[in-house]
Amino acid sequence: IALGVQLLQACRRSDDSMTTFINAGSYWQFASDGTPDPNSVYAAMKQAFQAILGYYARRRGIAAATVILFDVYGDGDWRNKLIPQLIHAAQRSEPMATTPGEQQLDLVYAGDVVDALLAAERRMLDAVRFDHPLWSADSGRRVTLRQLVALIEQTVGRRIPVQWGARPYPPGQIMAPVSTLPRVPQWTARTPLEDGLRRVWQALCERNSR
């Protein structure tokens, strides 16, 4: 939060009229109906900075917007997140303990997220009001964890030995991501989930062959 405030102060002092501030929020900040309800300290800090950004936009004339991100994935992602874990379990035929798998996921390819942030910037450059809009960078498609596993199995041609229900849902588990926020203007996710999964699979295979 402190770094973000320092950047906002720098924007305020800037003489460049083209300066914009695009903040990346998280769907973890919201209940399914769109009510602010952070499910973790991480999400609470996102929510707190969003409030600070709103102050700078409305009271200090900063052209700013918050783009809410969902489950971002991609073939160059170094993080050990859900999709790489599932693919590795398929490659090695290793059992993977999971929740019962009924939670919905909104998976957005990393390249599409970049396009969403750039679209938000373009819109703010054209803005005549500084009211800190809140936009969603969702894919428009929800799948449960069970459906995702089935899609990955189809992509890699291997079964994933998932142990359904071996883990409980964690505290604050979001079963259905927020769907009431307006989408980033003039932006739509272009990468179908099946294509994105195929790219991740191919990238992991190439990396393992080196």
Protein backbone atom coordinates (compact mmCIF):
# COMPACT_ATOMS: atom_id res chain seq x y z
CA ILE A 1 0.00 0.00 0.00
CA ALA A 2 2.81 2.42 0.89
CA LEU A 3 4.46 2.02 -2.52
CA GLY A 4 1.13 2.59 -4.25
CA VAL A 5 0.59 5.82 -2.31
CA GLN A 6 4.09 6.99 -3.25
CA LEU A 7 3.30 6.35 -6.91
CA LEU A 8 0.04 8.28 -6.57
CA GLN A 9 1.87 11.19 -5.01
CA ALA A 10 4.30 11.12 -7.95
CA CYS A 11 1.35 11.13 -10.37
CA ARG A 12 -0.13 14.10 -8.55
CA ARG A 13 3.10 16.06 -8.92
CA SER A 14 3.51 15.14 -12.56
CA ASP A 15 2.94 17.81 -15.19
CA ASP A 16 2.10 15.15 -17.77
CA SER A 17 -1.62 15.34 -18.57
CA MET A 18 -1.40 11.83 -20.06
CA THR A 19 -0.61 10.21 -16.69
CA THR A 20 -3.06 7.45 -15.72
CA PHE A 21 -3.09 4.96 -12.87
CA ILE A 22 -4.49 1.49 -13.56
CA ASN A 23 -4.84 -0.61 -10.44
CA ALA A 24 -5.15 -4.40 -10.48
CA GLY A 25 -7.72 -5.61 -7.98
CA SER A 26 -8.83 -9.15 -7.19
CA TYR A 27 -12.16 -10.93 -7.25
CA TRP A 28 -11.22 -12.15 -3.78
CA GLN A 29 -12.34 -8.70 -2.60
CA PHE A 30 -16.00 -9.47 -3.31
CA ALA A 31 -18.85 -11.73 -2.37
CA SER A 32 -20.69 -13.35 -5.27
CA ASP A 33 -23.27 -10.54 -5.35
CA GLY A 34 -20.60 -7.85 -5.68
CA THR A 35 -20.60 -6.77 -2.04
CA PRO A 36 -17.10 -5.91 -0.81
CA ASP A 37 -16.13 -8.83 1.43
CA PRO A 38 -12.38 -9.58 1.32
CA ASN A 39 -11.66 -13.25 2.00
CA SER A 40 -8.00 -12.83 3.09
CA VAL A 41 -5.46 -10.27 4.30
CA TYR A 42 -4.24 -10.02 0.69
CA ALA A 43 -7.74 -9.16 -0.50
CA ALA A 44 -8.29 -6.75 2.39
CA MET A 45 -5.13 -4.86 1.41
CA LYS A 46 -6.36 -4.72 -2.19
CA GLN A 47 -9.66 -3.30 -0.93
CA ALA A 48 -7.90 -0.74 1.25
CA PHE A 49 -5.74 0.51 -1.61
CA GLN A 50 -8.77 0.69 -3.87
CA ALA A 51 -10.35 3.10 -1.38
CA ILE A 52 -7.18 5.20 -1.29
CA LEU A 53 -7.09 5.28 -5.08
CA GLY A 54 -10.71 6.47 -5.15
CA TYR A 55 -9.75 9.38 -2.91
CA TYR A 56 -6.90 10.41 -5.22
CA ALA A 57 -9.16 10.12 -8.27
CA ARG A 58 -12.07 12.13 -6.88
CA ARG A 59 -10.22 14.63 -4.67
CA ARG A 60 -6.85 15.01 -6.37
CA GLY A 61 -7.72 14.68 -10.06
CA ILE A 62 -5.80 11.49 -10.82
CA ALA A 63 -7.14 9.60 -13.86
CA ALA A 64 -7.42 6.16 -12.25
CA ALA A 65 -9.33 2.93 -12.66
CA THR A 66 -9.33 -0.46 -10.94
CA VAL A 67 -9.48 -3.61 -13.05
CA ILE A 68 -10.62 -6.69 -11.14
CA LEU A 69 -8.60 -9.76 -12.12
CA PHE A 70 -9.76 -13.35 -11.81
CA ASP A 71 -7.77 -16.60 -12.10
CA VAL A 72 -4.91 -15.56 -14.37
CA TYR A 73 -2.89 -18.31 -16.07
CA GLY A 74 -0.42 -18.57 -18.94
CA ASP A 75 2.39 -20.55 -20.51
CA GLY A 76 5.15 -18.36 -19.05
CA ASP A 77 3.82 -18.31 -15.50
CA TRP A 78 6.51 -19.26 -12.98
CA ARG A 79 4.06 -19.58 -10.08
CA ASN A 80 3.14 -23.05 -8.90
CA LYS A 81 -0.58 -22.47 -9.30
CA LEU A 82 -3.50 -24.80 -9.90
CA ILE A 83 -3.18 -25.50 -13.64
CA PRO A 84 0.56 -26.36 -13.58
CA GLN A 85 -0.03 -28.53 -10.52
CA LEU A 86 -2.77 -30.47 -12.29
CA ILE A 87 -0.66 -30.90 -15.44
CA HIS A 88 2.33 -32.11 -13.41
CA ALA A 89 0.07 -34.60 -11.61
CA ALA A 90 -1.04 -35.90 -15.01
CA GLN A 91 2.54 -36.13 -16.30
CA ARG A 92 3.78 -38.03 -13.26
CA SER A 93 0.57 -39.95 -12.48
CA GLU A 94 0.86 -38.64 -8.94
CA PRO A 95 -2.23 -38.43 -6.74
CA MET A 96 -3.37 -34.88 -6.05
CA ALA A 97 -5.50 -34.07 -3.02
CA THR A 98 -8.17 -31.46 -3.70
CA THR A 99 -11.39 -30.04 -2.34
CA PRO A 100 -14.71 -31.60 -3.45
CA GLY A 101 -14.28 -29.50 -6.60
CA GLU A 102 -17.61 -27.69 -6.90
CA GLN A 103 -16.15 -24.16 -6.67
CA GLN A 104 -16.39 -22.13 -9.87
CA LEU A 105 -13.31 -20.66 -11.51
CA ASP A 106 -13.02 -17.83 -14.02
CA LEU A 107 -9.74 -18.51 -15.86
CA VAL A 108 -8.33 -15.70 -17.98
CA TYR A 109 -5.26 -16.12 -20.19
CA ALA A 110 -2.38 -13.77 -19.26
CA GLY A 111 -2.22 -12.17 -22.71
CA ASP A 112 -5.89 -11.27 -22.46
CA VAL A 113 -5.30 -9.69 -19.05
CA VAL A 114 -2.56 -7.49 -20.53
CA ASP A 115 -5.00 -6.41 -23.24
CA ALA A 116 -7.60 -5.60 -20.58
CA LEU A 117 -5.20 -3.35 -18.68
CA LEU A 118 -4.19 -1.56 -21.88
CA ALA A 119 -7.86 -1.11 -22.84
CA ALA A 120 -8.51 0.40 -19.41
CA GLU A 121 -5.61 2.79 -19.90
CA ARG A 122 -6.91 3.89 -23.30
CA ARG A 123 -10.35 4.52 -21.85
CA MET A 124 -8.95 6.62 -19.01
CA LEU A 125 -6.85 8.70 -21.40
CA ASP A 126 -10.13 9.66 -23.07
CA ALA A 127 -11.93 10.26 -19.77
CA VAL A 128 -13.28 13.68 -18.87
CA ARG A 129 -14.33 12.62 -15.36
CA PHE A 130 -12.17 11.33 -12.53
CA ASP A 131 -14.58 9.05 -10.76
CA HIS A 132 -12.40 5.92 -10.41
CA PRO A 133 -14.37 3.30 -12.39
CA LEU A 134 -14.29 -0.33 -11.30
CA TRP A 135 -14.14 -2.80 -14.18
CA SER A 136 -14.01 -6.57 -14.51
CA ALA A 137 -11.51 -8.51 -16.63
CA ASP A 138 -13.49 -11.75 -16.54
CA SER A 139 -13.52 -14.38 -19.28
CA GLY A 140 -17.30 -14.67 -19.48
CA ARG A 141 -17.03 -18.38 -18.78
CA ARG A 142 -17.12 -20.22 -15.47
CA VAL A 143 -16.02 -23.80 -14.90
CA THR A 144 -15.94 -25.85 -11.72
CA LEU A 145 -12.70 -27.43 -10.59
CA ARG A 146 -14.11 -30.80 -11.66
CA GLN A 147 -14.80 -29.44 -15.15
CA LEU A 148 -11.31 -27.96 -15.34
CA VAL A 149 -9.75 -31.32 -14.48
CA ALA A 150 -11.76 -32.96 -17.27
CA LEU A 151 -10.61 -30.30 -19.76
CA ILE A 152 -6.97 -30.78 -18.79
CA GLU A 153 -7.31 -34.54 -19.12
CA GLN A 154 -8.66 -34.06 -22.64
CA THR A 155 -5.82 -31.65 -23.46
CA VAL A 156 -2.93 -33.82 -22.24
CA GLY A 157 -4.51 -37.17 -23.07
CA ARG A 158 -3.85 -38.50 -19.58
CA ARG A 159 -5.89 -39.10 -16.49
CA ILE A 160 -5.24 -36.98 -13.41
CA PRO A 161 -5.46 -39.09 -10.22
CA VAL A 162 -7.42 -36.51 -8.25
CA GLN A 163 -8.43 -37.32 -4.69
CA TRP A 164 -11.70 -35.42 -4.53
CA GLY A 165 -12.61 -34.14 -1.07
CA ALA A 166 -9.26 -35.04 0.48
CA ARG A 167 -8.98 -31.39 1.45
CA PRO A 168 -11.76 -29.23 2.90
CA TYR A 169 -12.69 -25.94 1.32
CA PRO A 170 -10.43 -23.32 2.94
CA PRO A 171 -11.94 -20.55 5.07
CA GLY A 172 -13.27 -17.83 2.81
CA GLN A 173 -13.51 -20.11 -0.23
CA ILE A 174 -15.37 -18.30 -3.01
CA MET A 175 -17.77 -20.77 -4.60
CA ALA A 176 -18.93 -18.40 -7.38
CA PRO A 177 -16.86 -15.37 -8.44
CA VAL A 178 -18.52 -11.98 -8.62
CA SER A 179 -20.43 -11.47 -11.88
CA THR A 180 -22.12 -8.10 -11.33
CA LEU A 181 -19.24 -5.78 -12.25
CA PRO A 182 -19.14 -4.05 -15.65
CA ARG A 183 -16.48 -5.39 -17.99
CA VAL A 184 -13.53 -3.31 -19.18
CA PRO A 185 -14.91 -1.16 -22.04
CA GLN A 186 -14.08 -2.31 -25.55
CA TRP A 187 -12.40 -5.48 -24.32
CA THR A 188 -13.28 -9.16 -24.45
CA ALA A 189 -11.13 -12.16 -23.54
CA ARG A 190 -10.08 -13.74 -26.85
CA THR A 191 -8.36 -16.95 -25.76
CA PRO A 192 -10.69 -19.94 -25.29
CA LEU A 193 -9.84 -21.96 -22.21
CA GLU A 194 -9.07 -25.05 -24.29
CA ASP A 195 -6.52 -23.10 -26.37
CA GLY A 196 -4.91 -21.59 -23.29
CA LEU A 197 -4.58 -24.98 -21.61
CA ARG A 198 -2.99 -26.37 -24.78
CA ARG A 199 -0.41 -23.57 -24.77
CA VAL A 200 0.46 -24.18 -21.13
CA TRP A 201 0.79 -27.91 -21.78
CA GLN A 202 3.06 -27.36 -24.78
CA ALA A 203 5.23 -24.88 -22.88
CA LEU A 204 5.68 -27.28 -19.96
CA CYS A 205 6.58 -30.11 -22.33
CA GLU A 206 9.19 -27.92 -24.04
CA ARG A 207 10.62 -26.84 -20.71
CA ASN A 208 10.91 -30.43 -19.50
CA SER A 209 12.68 -31.52 -22.71
CA ARG A 210 15.56 -29.05 -22.26
